[in-house]
């Protein structure tokens, strides 16, 4: 059975708690252990901070989770303004990616043509029944 969760919140720090809470429910349904859940929540915080603080205003954050065989894929999207001439500092993105890679086994950044990150995928193993 395909189980997807989609949640959209305002791109404000206070709403990250809503994403963290939703991830707790997703973890429970997918039998993630406590350590994996903690790492996933921290990774989601870092990913959202990256998406919200890169030079272009973000209006909303969208979290999607779906089961991919033996893994859980959590995708975080930002709706970003078009801002000519704005490009994130390469060092900042590299640092965010390095932090994320210490928390979850697989991380993937998707950038727009202007270099801004609009999507981050976080993949963690899940219990299989």
Protein backbone atom coordinates (compact mmCIF):
# COMPACT_ATOMS: atom_id res chain seq x y z
CA UNK A 1 0.00 0.00 0.00
CA UNK A 2 1.35 3.40 -1.01
CA UNK A 3 1.30 5.83 1.90
CA UNK A 4 2.23 9.42 1.14
CA UNK A 5 2.07 12.34 3.53
CA UNK A 6 2.05 15.91 2.23
CA UNK A 7 2.15 18.95 4.48
CA UNK A 8 2.52 22.62 3.54
CA UNK A 9 3.31 25.31 6.13
CA UNK A 10 4.38 28.95 6.07
CA UNK A 11 8.16 29.33 5.72
CA UNK A 12 8.61 30.59 9.27
CA UNK A 13 10.75 29.10 12.04
CA UNK A 14 7.73 28.61 14.32
CA UNK A 15 6.14 26.19 11.83
CA UNK A 16 9.12 23.82 11.80
CA UNK A 17 7.57 22.24 14.91
CA UNK A 18 4.62 21.19 12.74
CA UNK A 19 6.99 19.46 10.30
CA UNK A 20 8.84 17.78 13.19
CA UNK A 21 5.54 16.54 14.65
CA UNK A 22 4.40 15.17 11.28
CA UNK A 23 7.73 13.38 10.92
CA UNK A 24 7.11 11.76 14.31
CA UNK A 25 3.87 10.30 12.98
CA UNK A 26 5.52 9.17 9.76
CA UNK A 27 8.29 7.51 11.80
CA UNK A 28 5.77 5.71 14.00
CA UNK A 29 3.81 4.33 11.03
CA UNK A 30 7.04 3.16 9.37
CA UNK A 31 8.61 1.63 12.51
CA UNK A 32 11.66 3.88 12.53
CA UNK A 33 13.78 3.54 15.63
CA UNK A 34 14.16 6.49 18.00
CA UNK A 35 17.69 7.32 16.87
CA UNK A 36 16.66 7.42 13.20
CA UNK A 37 13.68 9.62 14.08
CA UNK A 38 15.88 12.04 16.02
CA UNK A 39 18.37 12.24 13.15
CA UNK A 40 15.57 12.74 10.63
CA UNK A 41 14.03 15.55 12.69
CA UNK A 42 17.40 17.30 13.02
CA UNK A 43 18.03 16.85 9.31
CA UNK A 44 14.61 18.34 8.51
CA UNK A 45 15.42 21.37 10.69
CA UNK A 46 18.74 21.87 8.90
CA UNK A 47 17.17 21.38 5.46
CA UNK A 48 14.39 23.88 6.21
CA UNK A 49 16.92 26.42 7.51
CA UNK A 50 18.89 25.98 4.30
CA UNK A 51 15.78 26.44 2.16
CA UNK A 52 14.61 29.51 4.08
CA UNK A 53 17.94 31.37 4.33
CA UNK A 54 19.60 31.53 0.96
CA UNK A 55 18.96 35.04 -0.34
CA UNK A 56 15.48 34.68 -1.84
CA UNK A 57 12.35 34.86 0.31
CA UNK A 58 10.62 31.52 0.83
CA UNK A 59 6.84 31.70 1.24
CA UNK A 60 5.96 28.11 2.08
CA UNK A 61 7.69 24.87 2.94
CA UNK A 62 6.22 21.59 1.77
CA UNK A 63 7.15 18.24 3.24
CA UNK A 64 6.34 15.04 1.39
CA UNK A 65 7.12 11.56 2.61
CA UNK A 66 6.77 8.32 0.72
CA UNK A 67 7.90 4.75 0.98
CA UNK A 68 10.47 3.63 -1.58
CA UNK A 69 10.98 -0.12 -1.09
CA UNK A 70 13.02 -0.46 2.10
CA UNK A 71 13.52 3.28 2.56
CA UNK A 72 11.54 6.30 3.61
CA UNK A 73 12.03 9.34 1.40
CA UNK A 74 11.30 12.75 2.94
CA UNK A 75 11.36 15.64 0.50
CA UNK A 76 11.34 19.28 1.57
CA UNK A 77 10.43 21.97 -0.96
CA UNK A 78 10.51 25.76 -0.71
CA UNK A 79 8.43 28.15 -2.78
CA UNK A 80 11.01 30.82 -3.54
CA UNK A 81 10.72 34.25 -5.10
CA UNK A 82 12.55 34.96 -8.31
CA UNK A 83 15.37 37.31 -7.29
CA UNK A 84 17.77 38.30 -10.09
CA UNK A 85 21.44 38.18 -9.17
CA UNK A 86 21.00 36.27 -5.91
CA UNK A 87 23.01 33.09 -5.56
CA UNK A 88 23.85 31.27 -2.34
CA UNK A 89 27.46 31.15 -1.23
CA UNK A 90 28.86 27.76 -2.31
CA UNK A 91 30.45 27.29 1.12
CA UNK A 92 27.10 27.62 2.88
CA UNK A 93 25.45 24.95 0.72
CA UNK A 94 28.43 22.64 1.14
CA UNK A 95 28.27 23.08 4.91
CA UNK A 96 24.51 22.36 4.99
CA UNK A 97 25.00 19.27 2.86
CA UNK A 98 27.87 18.05 5.07
CA UNK A 99 25.73 18.46 8.21
CA UNK A 100 22.81 16.63 6.58
CA UNK A 101 25.05 13.78 5.46
CA UNK A 102 26.12 13.19 9.07
CA UNK A 103 22.45 12.76 10.04
CA UNK A 104 20.88 10.71 7.24
CA UNK A 105 22.44 8.13 4.90
CA UNK A 106 21.36 9.78 1.64
CA UNK A 107 20.90 13.49 0.88
CA UNK A 108 20.20 15.12 -2.45
CA UNK A 109 19.95 18.85 -3.27
CA UNK A 110 18.01 20.16 -6.28
CA UNK A 111 18.87 23.65 -7.45
CA UNK A 112 17.25 26.05 -9.86
CA UNK A 113 19.11 27.61 -12.79
CA UNK A 114 20.05 30.57 -10.55
CA UNK A 115 21.75 28.26 -8.02
CA UNK A 116 19.13 28.48 -5.28
CA UNK A 117 18.12 25.21 -3.64
CA UNK A 118 14.41 24.54 -4.03
CA UNK A 119 14.27 20.90 -2.92
CA UNK A 120 16.15 18.59 -0.57
CA UNK A 121 15.61 14.82 -0.39
CA UNK A 122 16.41 12.90 2.79
CA UNK A 123 16.39 9.10 2.59
CA UNK A 124 16.50 6.79 5.61
CA UNK A 125 16.08 3.01 5.95
CA UNK A 126 12.82 1.82 7.44
CA UNK A 127 11.68 -1.38 9.08
CA UNK A 128 10.28 -3.87 6.61
CA UNK A 129 7.51 -6.28 7.62
